[in-house]
Amino acid sequence: MLKYEMIVNDLQKRIMNEEFEENHKLPTEEKLIEELKQFPMLAQITDADMEDLLLLLKREDFPEGSRIINENEEGDCMYLLLEGQVDVLKTTLYGEEYVCAKLNDSMHCVFGEIAMIDRDRRSATVLATTDCRTAVLSSEDFRAFCEKHPQAGCRLLMVISANLCRNLRKENENLLKVYSALVDEIENDR
């Protein structure tokens, strides 16, 4: 089955929220595009550009308990969470994992998107807490899409950049809180 057909079949179930019709018709491309535009990252992409993007997405399923992404491994793709729930985990200096976020399909979330910019190590682990269905976009396909559709590529990169900036600001705030608490603790011990 072609990648596109697999994504279409998966999204058809979600869009129609019922069993396939007797004749097993695929949903119209408009409905499929509408469903994908629920993802904030894809909301500003034109329908014409979205048609090409659909051809690049690959469906990948993960059973409950699977590690979809492993912290510190090289990243080469991003995931759109179509169905299921995941935990985003970070590892402490002592090797202990803790949950820093819980995501589910109703949030229309994307993870692993930093790999679209660089192929550095993953910043977190993503663990499937239920059976999950994802649409995967490789960094190679992302770059090819951006070259073919520069306006859409610019919009996607702006969304990724805005997310990175928001996360950096949040981490700076967290670091300041930890530093302040450490200073208070040291001063109280005097």
Protein backbone atom coordinates (compact mmCIF):
# COMPACT_ATOMS: atom_id res chain seq x y z
CA MET A 1 0.00 0.00 0.00
CA LEU A 2 1.34 3.44 -0.84
CA LYS A 3 2.32 5.81 1.97
CA TYR A 4 -0.41 8.24 0.91
CA GLU A 5 -3.09 5.54 0.94
CA MET A 6 -2.05 4.43 4.44
CA ILE A 7 -2.33 7.98 5.77
CA VAL A 8 -5.64 8.47 3.95
CA ASN A 9 -7.04 5.22 5.36
CA ASP A 10 -6.00 6.19 8.87
CA LEU A 11 -7.37 9.71 8.67
CA GLN A 12 -10.57 8.54 7.03
CA LYS A 13 -11.47 6.65 10.20
CA ARG A 14 -10.80 9.72 12.32
CA ILE A 15 -12.59 12.18 10.04
CA MET A 16 -15.72 10.10 9.59
CA ASN A 17 -15.58 8.67 13.15
CA GLU A 18 -17.26 5.49 11.93
CA GLU A 19 -16.49 2.34 10.00
CA PHE A 20 -15.61 2.64 6.33
CA GLU A 21 -18.57 3.06 4.07
CA GLU A 22 -19.68 -0.08 2.26
CA ASN A 23 -17.80 0.87 -0.89
CA HIS A 24 -14.62 1.79 1.11
CA LYS A 25 -14.25 5.14 -0.59
CA LEU A 26 -11.28 7.20 0.49
CA PRO A 27 -12.13 10.62 1.92
CA THR A 28 -11.90 13.56 -0.33
CA GLU A 29 -8.54 15.24 -0.40
CA GLU A 30 -10.22 18.34 1.02
CA LYS A 31 -11.27 16.46 4.17
CA LEU A 32 -7.81 14.99 4.58
CA ILE A 33 -6.20 18.40 4.22
CA GLU A 34 -8.73 19.85 6.67
CA GLU A 35 -7.79 17.19 9.23
CA LEU A 36 -4.07 17.86 8.87
CA LYS A 37 -4.61 21.60 9.12
CA GLN A 38 -5.81 20.99 12.68
CA PHE A 39 -2.09 20.68 13.47
CA PRO A 40 -0.93 24.25 14.25
CA MET A 41 2.29 23.62 12.34
CA LEU A 42 0.34 22.93 9.13
CA ALA A 43 -2.52 25.41 9.56
CA GLN A 44 -1.05 28.09 7.26
CA ILE A 45 -0.04 25.76 4.42
CA THR A 46 -2.07 26.17 1.23
CA ASP A 47 -4.12 23.25 0.00
CA ALA A 48 -1.98 22.96 -3.14
CA ASP A 49 1.21 22.74 -1.07
CA MET A 50 -0.48 20.36 1.36
CA GLU A 51 -1.22 17.95 -1.49
CA ASP A 52 2.51 17.58 -2.11
CA LEU A 53 3.25 17.29 1.59
CA LEU A 54 0.75 14.44 1.89
CA LEU A 55 2.80 12.41 -0.57
CA LEU A 56 5.84 12.66 1.71
CA LEU A 57 4.16 11.54 4.94
CA LYS A 58 4.62 7.94 6.02
CA ARG A 59 2.38 6.23 8.57
CA GLU A 60 4.10 4.53 11.47
CA ASP A 61 2.36 2.75 14.34
CA PHE A 62 3.84 2.22 17.81
CA PRO A 63 2.46 -0.17 20.43
CA GLU A 64 2.02 0.99 24.01
CA GLY A 65 5.37 1.10 25.80
CA SER A 66 7.40 1.80 22.65
CA ARG A 67 10.05 4.47 22.62
CA ILE A 68 9.24 6.52 19.55
CA ILE A 69 12.22 8.81 20.07
CA ASN A 70 15.22 8.20 22.31
CA GLU A 71 17.01 11.08 24.00
CA ASN A 72 20.55 11.62 22.66
CA GLU A 73 20.01 9.58 19.48
CA GLU A 74 20.48 11.35 16.15
CA GLY A 75 17.23 12.80 14.83
CA ASP A 76 16.22 12.51 11.19
CA CYS A 77 12.42 12.87 11.21
CA MET A 78 9.45 14.44 12.95
CA TYR A 79 6.15 12.89 13.98
CA LEU A 80 2.54 14.10 13.84
CA LEU A 81 0.55 12.32 16.54
CA LEU A 82 -2.62 11.11 14.78
CA GLU A 83 -3.87 8.78 17.50
CA GLY A 84 -2.78 7.92 21.02
CA GLN A 85 -0.93 9.39 23.97
CA VAL A 86 2.76 9.88 24.69
CA ASP A 87 4.98 11.03 27.54
CA VAL A 88 7.96 13.27 26.85
CA LEU A 89 10.80 12.20 29.14
CA LYS A 90 14.08 13.83 30.12
CA THR A 91 16.96 12.13 31.89
CA THR A 92 18.66 13.62 34.95
CA LEU A 93 22.43 13.69 35.46
CA TYR A 94 21.89 10.58 37.59
CA GLY A 95 20.25 8.66 34.75
CA GLU A 96 16.70 8.90 36.13
CA GLU A 97 13.87 9.69 33.72
CA TYR A 98 11.09 12.10 34.57
CA VAL A 99 7.99 13.14 32.63
CA CYS A 100 8.18 16.74 31.44
CA ALA A 101 5.06 16.64 29.23
CA LYS A 102 2.06 14.47 28.42
CA LEU A 103 0.68 14.76 24.88
CA ASN A 104 -2.35 13.25 23.16
CA ASP A 105 -3.91 13.26 19.70
CA SER A 106 -6.54 15.86 20.61
CA MET A 107 -3.69 18.36 21.03
CA HIS A 108 -2.68 17.94 17.35
CA CYS A 109 0.93 17.88 18.42
CA VAL A 110 4.15 17.35 16.56
CA PHE A 111 7.38 16.11 18.12
CA GLY A 112 10.90 15.64 16.85
CA GLU A 113 10.60 18.79 14.74
CA ILE A 114 14.06 20.05 15.72
CA ALA A 115 15.40 17.35 13.39
CA MET A 116 13.98 19.36 10.50
CA ILE A 117 16.60 22.03 11.22
CA ASP A 118 19.58 19.93 12.27
CA ARG A 119 20.41 16.28 12.69
CA ASP A 120 21.78 16.70 16.18
CA ARG A 121 20.93 14.45 19.10
CA ARG A 122 17.33 14.24 20.30
CA SER A 123 16.61 16.46 23.29
CA ALA A 124 14.10 14.09 24.91
CA THR A 125 12.60 10.61 24.82
CA VAL A 126 9.02 10.17 23.59
CA LEU A 127 7.28 7.11 25.05
CA ALA A 128 3.97 5.74 23.76
CA THR A 129 1.65 5.39 26.77
CA THR A 130 -1.09 3.93 24.54
CA ASP A 131 -1.00 2.41 21.08
CA CYS A 132 -0.04 5.30 18.80
CA ARG A 133 -0.43 6.08 15.14
CA THR A 134 1.79 8.75 13.65
CA ALA A 135 2.56 10.40 10.33
CA VAL A 136 6.31 10.71 9.86
CA LEU A 137 8.18 13.26 7.78
CA SER A 138 11.89 12.71 7.21
CA SER A 139 14.26 15.65 7.36
CA GLU A 140 15.35 14.85 3.79
CA ASP A 141 11.75 15.02 2.53
CA PHE A 142 11.17 18.18 4.59
CA ARG A 143 14.14 19.90 2.94
CA ALA A 144 13.00 18.81 -0.52
CA PHE A 145 9.50 20.11 0.22
CA CYS A 146 10.91 23.46 1.40
CA GLU A 147 12.96 23.81 -1.78
CA LYS A 148 9.97 23.02 -3.98
CA HIS A 149 7.56 25.15 -1.92
CA PRO A 150 9.65 27.97 -0.42
CA GLN A 151 6.68 29.96 0.91
CA ALA A 152 5.25 26.94 2.72
CA GLY A 153 8.74 25.95 3.87
CA CYS A 154 9.25 29.41 5.32
CA ARG A 155 5.94 29.16 7.21
CA LEU A 156 6.88 25.74 8.61
CA LEU A 157 10.31 26.98 9.68
CA MET A 158 8.73 30.01 11.34
CA VAL A 159 6.45 27.74 13.40
CA ILE A 160 9.39 25.51 14.38
CA SER A 161 11.45 28.60 15.26
CA ALA A 162 8.63 30.09 17.35
CA ASN A 163 8.30 26.79 19.25
CA LEU A 164 12.03 26.67 19.88
CA CYS A 165 12.04 30.29 21.10
CA ARG A 166 9.10 29.62 23.43
CA ASN A 167 10.83 26.52 24.83
CA LEU A 168 14.12 28.40 25.29
CA ARG A 169 12.38 31.20 27.18
CA LYS A 170 10.63 28.67 29.40
CA GLU A 171 13.90 26.85 30.13
CA ASN A 172 15.60 30.16 30.93
CA GLU A 173 12.81 30.93 33.42
CA ASN A 174 13.18 27.46 34.95
CA LEU A 175 16.95 27.87 35.21
CA LEU A 176 16.51 31.23 36.94
CA LYS A 177 14.10 29.64 39.45
CA VAL A 178 16.54 26.81 40.19
CA TYR A 179 19.45 29.25 40.52
CA SER A 180 17.42 31.50 42.85
CA ALA A 181 16.40 28.52 44.99
CA LEU A 182 20.03 27.39 45.18
CA VAL A 183 21.21 30.87 46.23
CA ASP A 184 18.45 31.04 48.87
CA GLU A 185 19.44 27.60 50.19
CA ILE A 186 23.12 28.56 50.40
CA GLU A 187 22.33 31.84 52.16
CA ASN A 188 20.02 30.10 54.64
CA ASP A 189 22.79 27.62 55.55
CA ARG A 190 25.12 30.47 56.60
